[in-house]
Amino acid sequence: EHARLGDALVAVSRESERKRSLLGDAKSALHAQEERLKAATVHCQAAAQQERQAKQLLQQEMDASKHLATRFVDLSREQAKYSKLRDAEDRRILAGIVEWLDKMSDRKVSVA
């Protein structure tokens, strides 16, 4: 009976040691998983920050493009107005030259 109790105690002790070892392995695995989770969290946070920065940069580029397009339209309108004024001025100058040439040719005719 005493030997059987001793054997049972040894069996319980071995089982307890096996479970303690399994618990230690589980704790190690859980700790490793926590570390991987922390690393993944840091990686995701960095990726989210990069995405925010990329969106901000994209928005800045879109704003700059919109500004340039607006400025181009404004300058095109201004240039068109200037072209009309310049064409009118050119026509006025040409009309003046033609009138002057007419007068000059009239003088030559009358002098001759």
Foldseek 3Di string as FASTA:
>chain_A
DVVVVVVVVVVVVVVVVVVVVVVVVVVVVVVVVVVVVVVVVVVVVVVVVVVVVVVVVVVVVVVVVVVVVVVVVVVVVVVVVVVVVVVVVVVVVVVVVVVVVVVVVVVVVVVD
